[in-house]
Amino acid sequence: MNGQASPAESPGTTAGRPRMTRSARRVQLLEAAREVFGSRGYHAAAMDEIAERAGVSKPVLYQHFPGKLDLYRALVQGAADDMVRTVRAAIRSTTDNKARVQATIQAYFDVVSSRDGAMRLVFETDTRATPEVAGVVDRATSDCIDAVTEAVTTDAGLEPERARLLAVGLVGLSTTSARYWLDAGLQPPREDAITLMSQLAWRGIGGFPRQD
């Protein structure tokens, strides 16, 4: 090896078509991996199948991801980052506390019902398959709790310890109910499920009046 990009990854054209850039190839590989991991789970998925699904050779796949764990961890990391952004955006979407609670719960239902299914991986059992991947999910959960804690501390005037415990409760309720809803075949209908859980959460959190 002379340090130059391999023919599969070097710039230029092949058979009259532009070669895929490294970043574009990575996106393609992650998409193929999402489909395979989503259908088979981490343990049953094979790098051969992922490479075949992406339409590349195994050496090209290994240029980007040295092993299956590296590939799975990258996929879960991207999904976890998207989840945190979704929750933060929900909290920033309104200053009305009741609407904010609903928006936060809705964010979790959006995650598990996302069309591409990538963020759903954060909630699946296989994310606990290794300490490395479990750590990615735990950090994302902690970031979501931090975001809710900040809002509760500001709005309810609670000290950080009490605010964080409330945030843990809201995130836990949202995560557990969204996961159950996914496993139950997306029933009851999404809007009904969000309304039910929002009413449950607000009857508790609403007891802490906003401090202006």
C-alpha atoms as a PDB file:
ATOM      1  CA  MET A   1       0.000   0.000   0.000  1.00  0.00           C
ATOM      2  CA  ASN A   2       1.409   3.431  -0.868  1.00  0.00           C
ATOM      3  CA  GLY A   3      -1.077   5.513   1.123  1.00  0.00           C
ATOM      4  CA  GLN A   4      -3.117   6.396  -1.963  1.00  0.00           C
ATOM      5  CA  ALA A   5      -6.827   5.701  -2.184  1.00  0.00           C
ATOM      6  CA  SER A   6      -7.701   2.331  -3.674  1.00  0.00           C
ATOM      7  CA  PRO A   7      -9.260   2.232  -7.132  1.00  0.00           C
ATOM      8  CA  ALA A   8     -12.666   1.660  -5.554  1.00  0.00           C
ATOM      9  CA  GLU A   9     -12.405   4.856  -3.537  1.00  0.00           C
ATOM     10  CA  SER A  10     -10.213   7.173  -5.626  1.00  0.00           C
ATOM     11  CA  PRO A  11     -11.723  10.195  -7.385  1.00  0.00           C
ATOM     12  CA  GLY A  12     -12.445  10.124 -11.076  1.00  0.00           C
ATOM     13  CA  THR A  13     -14.862   8.175 -13.197  1.00  0.00           C
ATOM     14  CA  THR A  14     -15.619   4.533 -13.871  1.00  0.00           C
ATOM     15  CA  ALA A  15     -17.283   3.426 -17.089  1.00  0.00           C
ATOM     16  CA  GLY A  16     -18.338   7.003 -17.720  1.00  0.00           C
ATOM     17  CA  ARG A  17     -19.845   7.459 -14.241  1.00  0.00           C
ATOM     18  CA  PRO A  18     -18.373   9.616 -11.442  1.00  0.00           C
ATOM     19  CA  ARG A  19     -16.921   7.536  -8.653  1.00  0.00           C
ATOM     20  CA  MET A  20     -18.675   7.883  -5.323  1.00  0.00           C
ATOM     21  CA  THR A  21     -16.926  10.141  -2.812  1.00  0.00           C
ATOM     22  CA  ARG A  22     -15.769   8.612   0.440  1.00  0.00           C
ATOM     23  CA  SER A  23     -18.454  10.412   2.457  1.00  0.00           C
ATOM     24  CA  ALA A  24     -21.182   9.352   0.026  1.00  0.00           C
ATOM     25  CA  ARG A  25     -19.912   5.767   0.131  1.00  0.00           C
ATOM     26  CA  ARG A  26     -20.051   5.819   3.917  1.00  0.00           C
ATOM     27  CA  VAL A  27     -23.678   6.950   3.820  1.00  0.00           C
ATOM     28  CA  GLN A  28     -24.460   4.159   1.359  1.00  0.00           C
ATOM     29  CA  LEU A  29     -22.807   1.558   3.575  1.00  0.00           C
ATOM     30  CA  LEU A  30     -24.629   2.764   6.678  1.00  0.00           C
ATOM     31  CA  GLU A  31     -27.941   2.586   4.847  1.00  0.00           C
ATOM     32  CA  ALA A  32     -27.247  -0.995   3.779  1.00  0.00           C
ATOM     33  CA  ALA A  33     -26.180  -1.837   7.324  1.00  0.00           C
ATOM     34  CA  ARG A  34     -29.354  -0.329   8.742  1.00  0.00           C
ATOM     35  CA  GLU A  35     -31.452  -2.567   6.529  1.00  0.00           C
ATOM     36  CA  VAL A  36     -29.529  -5.718   7.448  1.00  0.00           C
ATOM     37  CA  PHE A  37     -29.234  -5.001  11.166  1.00  0.00           C
ATOM     38  CA  GLY A  38     -32.862  -3.942  11.238  1.00  0.00           C
ATOM     39  CA  SER A  39     -34.051  -7.224   9.753  1.00  0.00           C
ATOM     40  CA  ARG A  40     -31.571  -9.613  11.375  1.00  0.00           C
ATOM     41  CA  GLY A  41     -30.301  -7.946  14.527  1.00  0.00           C
ATOM     42  CA  TYR A  42     -26.670  -7.388  15.417  1.00  0.00           C
ATOM     43  CA  HIS A  43     -25.648 -10.972  16.138  1.00  0.00           C
ATOM     44  CA  ALA A  44     -27.200 -12.589  13.055  1.00  0.00           C
ATOM     45  CA  ALA A  45     -26.102  -9.897  10.599  1.00  0.00           C
ATOM     46  CA  ALA A  46     -23.025 -10.625   8.481  1.00  0.00           C
ATOM     47  CA  MET A  47     -20.583  -8.255   6.833  1.00  0.00           C
ATOM     48  CA  ASP A  48     -20.863 -10.289   3.607  1.00  0.00           C
ATOM     49  CA  GLU A  49     -24.577  -9.557   3.416  1.00  0.00           C
ATOM     50  CA  ILE A  50     -24.076  -5.877   4.192  1.00  0.00           C
ATOM     51  CA  ALA A  51     -21.461  -5.565   1.450  1.00  0.00           C
ATOM     52  CA  GLU A  52     -23.739  -7.369  -0.996  1.00  0.00           C
ATOM     53  CA  ARG A  53     -26.688  -5.150  -0.049  1.00  0.00           C
ATOM     54  CA  ALA A  54     -24.533  -2.055  -0.656  1.00  0.00           C
ATOM     55  CA  GLY A  55     -23.240  -3.436  -3.965  1.00  0.00           C
ATOM     56  CA  VAL A  56     -19.589  -3.285  -2.932  1.00  0.00           C
ATOM     57  CA  SER A  57     -16.826  -5.772  -2.223  1.00  0.00           C
ATOM     58  CA  LYS A  58     -15.960  -6.716   1.352  1.00  0.00           C
ATOM     59  CA  PRO A  59     -12.550  -4.960   1.078  1.00  0.00           C
ATOM     60  CA  VAL A  60     -14.365  -1.689   0.299  1.00  0.00           C
ATOM     61  CA  LEU A  61     -16.629  -2.193   3.320  1.00  0.00           C
ATOM     62  CA  TYR A  62     -13.627  -2.881   5.549  1.00  0.00           C
ATOM     63  CA  GLN A  63     -11.885   0.267   4.279  1.00  0.00           C
ATOM     64  CA  HIS A  64     -14.602   2.251   6.032  1.00  0.00           C
ATOM     65  CA  PHE A  65     -15.419  -0.011   8.982  1.00  0.00           C
ATOM     66  CA  PRO A  66     -12.765  -2.427  10.322  1.00  0.00           C
ATOM     67  CA  GLY A  67     -15.386  -4.758  11.782  1.00  0.00           C
ATOM     68  CA  LYS A  68     -19.066  -5.397  12.360  1.00  0.00           C
ATOM     69  CA  LEU A  69     -19.012  -3.766  15.792  1.00  0.00           C
ATOM     70  CA  ASP A  70     -17.457  -0.586  14.357  1.00  0.00           C
ATOM     71  CA  LEU A  71     -20.186  -0.451  11.717  1.00  0.00           C
ATOM     72  CA  TYR A  72     -23.001  -1.067  14.192  1.00  0.00           C
ATOM     73  CA  ARG A  73     -21.622   1.455  16.650  1.00  0.00           C
ATOM     74  CA  ALA A  74     -21.408   4.114  13.912  1.00  0.00           C
ATOM     75  CA  LEU A  75     -24.994   3.406  12.922  1.00  0.00           C
ATOM     76  CA  VAL A  76     -26.265   3.618  16.508  1.00  0.00           C
ATOM     77  CA  GLN A  77     -24.191   6.756  17.153  1.00  0.00           C
ATOM     78  CA  GLY A  78     -25.824   8.534  14.230  1.00  0.00           C
ATOM     79  CA  ALA A  79     -29.249   7.422  15.388  1.00  0.00           C
ATOM     80  CA  ALA A  80     -28.549   8.495  18.970  1.00  0.00           C
ATOM     81  CA  ASP A  81     -27.376  11.926  17.814  1.00  0.00           C
ATOM     82  CA  ASP A  82     -30.566  12.326  15.798  1.00  0.00           C
ATOM     83  CA  MET A  83     -32.638  11.357  18.840  1.00  0.00           C
ATOM     84  CA  VAL A  84     -30.967  13.976  21.019  1.00  0.00           C
ATOM     85  CA  ARG A  85     -31.495  16.649  18.363  1.00  0.00           C
ATOM     86  CA  THR A  86     -35.160  15.656  18.081  1.00  0.00           C
ATOM     87  CA  VAL A  87     -35.734  15.931  21.836  1.00  0.00           C
ATOM     88  CA  ARG A  88     -33.906  19.252  22.114  1.00  0.00           C
ATOM     89  CA  ALA A  89     -35.894  20.679  19.207  1.00  0.00           C
ATOM     90  CA  ALA A  90     -39.124  19.555  20.879  1.00  0.00           C
ATOM     91  CA  ILE A  91     -38.218  21.364  24.087  1.00  0.00           C
ATOM     92  CA  ARG A  92     -37.301  24.540  22.187  1.00  0.00           C
ATOM     93  CA  SER A  93     -40.453  24.425  20.075  1.00  0.00           C
ATOM     94  CA  THR A  94     -42.645  26.175  22.667  1.00  0.00           C
ATOM     95  CA  THR A  95     -42.539  27.964  26.024  1.00  0.00           C
ATOM     96  CA  ASP A  96     -45.916  26.560  27.065  1.00  0.00           C
ATOM     97  CA  ASN A  97     -45.100  23.820  29.567  1.00  0.00           C
ATOM     98  CA  LYS A  98     -48.063  21.597  28.770  1.00  0.00           C
ATOM     99  CA  ALA A  99     -47.285  21.767  25.065  1.00  0.00           C
ATOM    100  CA  ARG A 100     -43.616  21.191  25.839  1.00  0.00           C
ATOM    101  CA  VAL A 101     -44.372  17.969  27.702  1.00  0.00           C
ATOM    102  CA  GLN A 102     -46.433  16.720  24.781  1.00  0.00           C
ATOM    103  CA  ALA A 103     -43.753  17.735  22.294  1.00  0.00           C
ATOM    104  CA  THR A 104     -41.116  15.846  24.280  1.00  0.00           C
ATOM    105  CA  ILE A 105     -43.199  12.665  24.437  1.00  0.00           C
ATOM    106  CA  GLN A 106     -44.066  13.021  20.765  1.00  0.00           C
ATOM    107  CA  ALA A 107     -40.358  13.222  19.975  1.00  0.00           C
ATOM    108  CA  TYR A 108     -39.849   9.709  21.321  1.00  0.00           C
ATOM    109  CA  PHE A 109     -42.780   8.360  19.338  1.00  0.00           C
ATOM    110  CA  ASP A 110     -41.304  10.072  16.272  1.00  0.00           C
ATOM    111  CA  VAL A 111     -38.028   8.280  16.939  1.00  0.00           C
ATOM    112  CA  VAL A 112     -39.505   4.787  17.106  1.00  0.00           C
ATOM    113  CA  SER A 113     -41.794   5.355  14.120  1.00  0.00           C
ATOM    114  CA  SER A 114     -39.212   7.101  11.919  1.00  0.00           C
ATOM    115  CA  ARG A 115     -39.638   6.092   8.304  1.00  0.00           C
ATOM    116  CA  ASP A 116     -36.091   4.902   7.745  1.00  0.00           C
ATOM    117  CA  GLY A 117     -36.024   3.006  11.034  1.00  0.00           C
ATOM    118  CA  ALA A 118     -32.504   4.121  11.931  1.00  0.00           C
ATOM    119  CA  MET A 119     -33.340   5.849  15.208  1.00  0.00           C
ATOM    120  CA  ARG A 120     -35.379   2.823  16.219  1.00  0.00           C
ATOM    121  CA  LEU A 121     -32.103   0.969  16.745  1.00  0.00           C
ATOM    122  CA  VAL A 122     -31.502   3.059  19.873  1.00  0.00           C
ATOM    123  CA  PHE A 123     -34.445   1.304  21.533  1.00  0.00           C
ATOM    124  CA  GLU A 124     -33.706  -2.250  20.456  1.00  0.00           C
ATOM    125  CA  THR A 125     -32.289  -4.955  22.696  1.00  0.00           C
ATOM    126  CA  ASP A 126     -29.224  -5.496  20.506  1.00  0.00           C
ATOM    127  CA  THR A 127     -27.940  -2.032  21.410  1.00  0.00           C
ATOM    128  CA  ARG A 128     -26.981  -3.602  24.749  1.00  0.00           C
ATOM    129  CA  ALA A 129     -24.969  -6.317  23.010  1.00  0.00           C
ATOM    130  CA  THR A 130     -21.636  -4.665  23.818  1.00  0.00           C
ATOM    131  CA  PRO A 131     -20.454  -2.105  26.393  1.00  0.00           C
ATOM    132  CA  GLU A 132     -19.286   0.202  23.584  1.00  0.00           C
ATOM    133  CA  VAL A 133     -22.699   0.417  21.954  1.00  0.00           C
ATOM    134  CA  ALA A 134     -24.543   0.522  25.279  1.00  0.00           C
ATOM    135  CA  GLY A 135     -22.365   3.498  26.200  1.00  0.00           C
ATOM    136  CA  VAL A 136     -23.493   5.380  23.089  1.00  0.00           C
ATOM    137  CA  VAL A 137     -27.147   4.891  24.041  1.00  0.00           C
ATOM    138  CA  ASP A 138     -26.533   5.787  27.692  1.00  0.00           C
ATOM    139  CA  ARG A 139     -24.808   9.034  26.726  1.00  0.00           C
ATOM    140  CA  ALA A 140     -27.664   9.971  24.411  1.00  0.00           C
ATOM    141  CA  THR A 141     -30.208   9.259  27.157  1.00  0.00           C
ATOM    142  CA  SER A 142     -28.201  11.387  29.572  1.00  0.00           C
ATOM    143  CA  ASP A 143     -28.072  14.246  27.043  1.00  0.00           C
ATOM    144  CA  CYS A 144     -31.864  14.089  26.693  1.00  0.00           C
ATOM    145  CA  ILE A 145     -32.244  14.131  30.473  1.00  0.00           C
ATOM    146  CA  ASP A 146     -29.919  17.147  30.636  1.00  0.00           C
ATOM    147  CA  ALA A 147     -32.097  19.016  28.135  1.00  0.00           C
ATOM    148  CA  VAL A 148     -35.282  18.293  30.066  1.00  0.00           C
ATOM    149  CA  THR A 149     -33.566  19.115  33.379  1.00  0.00           C
ATOM    150  CA  GLU A 150     -32.556  22.540  32.100  1.00  0.00           C
ATOM    151  CA  ALA A 151     -36.129  23.301  31.058  1.00  0.00           C
ATOM    152  CA  VAL A 152     -37.589  22.086  34.364  1.00  0.00           C
ATOM    153  CA  THR A 153     -35.028  23.991  36.408  1.00  0.00           C
ATOM    154  CA  THR A 154     -35.734  27.210  34.534  1.00  0.00           C
ATOM    155  CA  ASP A 155     -39.515  26.917  34.410  1.00  0.00           C
ATOM    156  CA  ALA A 156     -40.348  25.388  37.783  1.00  0.00           C
ATOM    157  CA  GLY A 157     -37.608  26.994  39.821  1.00  0.00           C
ATOM    158  CA  LEU A 158     -36.519  23.668  41.319  1.00  0.00           C
ATOM    159  CA  GLU A 159     -33.015  22.928  42.509  1.00  0.00           C
ATOM    160  CA  PRO A 160     -31.000  20.812  40.041  1.00  0.00           C
ATOM    161  CA  GLU A 161     -31.294  17.519  41.944  1.00  0.00           C
ATOM    162  CA  ARG A 162     -35.094  17.614  42.045  1.00  0.00           C
ATOM    163  CA  ALA A 163     -35.346  18.902  38.494  1.00  0.00           C
ATOM    164  CA  ARG A 164     -33.122  16.095  37.211  1.00  0.00           C
ATOM    165  CA  LEU A 165     -35.172  13.433  38.977  1.00  0.00           C
ATOM    166  CA  LEU A 166     -38.315  14.789  37.287  1.00  0.00           C
ATOM    167  CA  ALA A 167     -36.467  14.790  33.968  1.00  0.00           C
ATOM    168  CA  VAL A 168     -35.417  11.166  34.474  1.00  0.00           C
ATOM    169  CA  GLY A 169     -39.064  10.304  35.119  1.00  0.00           C
ATOM    170  CA  LEU A 170     -40.298  12.046  31.958  1.00  0.00           C
ATOM    171  CA  VAL A 171     -37.600  10.547  29.749  1.00  0.00           C
ATOM    172  CA  GLY A 172     -38.170   7.116  31.273  1.00  0.00           C
ATOM    173  CA  LEU A 173     -41.924   7.341  30.730  1.00  0.00           C
ATOM    174  CA  SER A 174     -41.412   8.496  27.147  1.00  0.00           C
ATOM    175  CA  THR A 175     -38.851   5.813  26.326  1.00  0.00           C
ATOM    176  CA  THR A 176     -40.743   2.927  27.898  1.00  0.00           C
ATOM    177  CA  SER A 177     -44.123   3.850  26.446  1.00  0.00           C
ATOM    178  CA  ALA A 178     -42.705   4.474  22.951  1.00  0.00           C
ATOM    179  CA  ARG A 179     -40.864   1.146  22.994  1.00  0.00           C
ATOM    180  CA  TYR A 180     -43.981  -0.676  24.181  1.00  0.00           C
ATOM    181  CA  TRP A 181     -46.065   1.049  21.496  1.00  0.00           C
ATOM    182  CA  LEU A 182     -43.603  -0.104  18.837  1.00  0.00           C
ATOM    183  CA  ASP A 183     -43.651  -3.702  20.109  1.00  0.00           C
ATOM    184  CA  ALA A 184     -47.464  -3.614  20.290  1.00  0.00           C
ATOM    185  CA  GLY A 185     -47.715  -2.999  16.565  1.00  0.00           C
ATOM    186  CA  LEU A 186     -48.116   0.813  16.706  1.00  0.00           C
ATOM    187  CA  GLN A 187     -51.423   0.527  18.557  1.00  0.00           C
ATOM    188  CA  PRO A 188     -53.364   2.478  19.688  1.00  0.00           C
ATOM    189  CA  PRO A 189     -53.026   4.999  16.829  1.00  0.00           C
ATOM    190  CA  ARG A 190     -50.022   7.301  17.196  1.00  0.00           C
ATOM    191  CA  GLU A 191     -51.908  10.488  18.086  1.00  0.00           C
ATOM    192  CA  ASP A 192     -54.019   8.655  20.679  1.00  0.00           C
ATOM    193  CA  ALA A 193     -50.925   7.128  22.248  1.00  0.00           C
ATOM    194  CA  ILE A 194     -49.152  10.499  22.461  1.00  0.00           C
ATOM    195  CA  THR A 195     -52.230  12.154  23.982  1.00  0.00           C
ATOM    196  CA  LEU A 196     -52.619   9.422  26.604  1.00  0.00           C
ATOM    197  CA  MET A 197     -49.003   9.593  27.745  1.00  0.00           C
ATOM    198  CA  SER A 198     -48.952  13.397  27.625  1.00  0.00           C
ATOM    199  CA  GLN A 199     -52.019  13.561  29.879  1.00  0.00           C
ATOM    200  CA  LEU A 200     -50.406  11.151  32.307  1.00  0.00           C
ATOM    201  CA  ALA A 201     -47.157  13.113  32.431  1.00  0.00           C
ATOM    202  CA  TRP A 202     -48.774  16.550  32.616  1.00  0.00           C
ATOM    203  CA  ARG A 203     -50.969  15.591  35.572  1.00  0.00           C
ATOM    204  CA  GLY A 204     -47.755  15.093  37.499  1.00  0.00           C
ATOM    205  CA  ILE A 205     -45.443  17.761  36.121  1.00  0.00           C
ATOM    206  CA  GLY A 206     -48.260  20.300  35.878  1.00  0.00           C
ATOM    207  CA  GLY A 207     -48.306  20.347  39.672  1.00  0.00           C
ATOM    208  CA  PHE A 208     -45.134  22.397  39.549  1.00  0.00           C
ATOM    209  CA  PRO A 209     -46.167  25.903  38.469  1.00  0.00           C
ATOM    210  CA  ARG A 210     -44.034  27.908  36.077  1.00  0.00           C
ATOM    211  CA  GLN A 211     -41.786  30.423  37.812  1.00  0.00           C
ATOM    212  CA  ASP A 212     -41.735  33.695  35.865  1.00  0.00           C
END
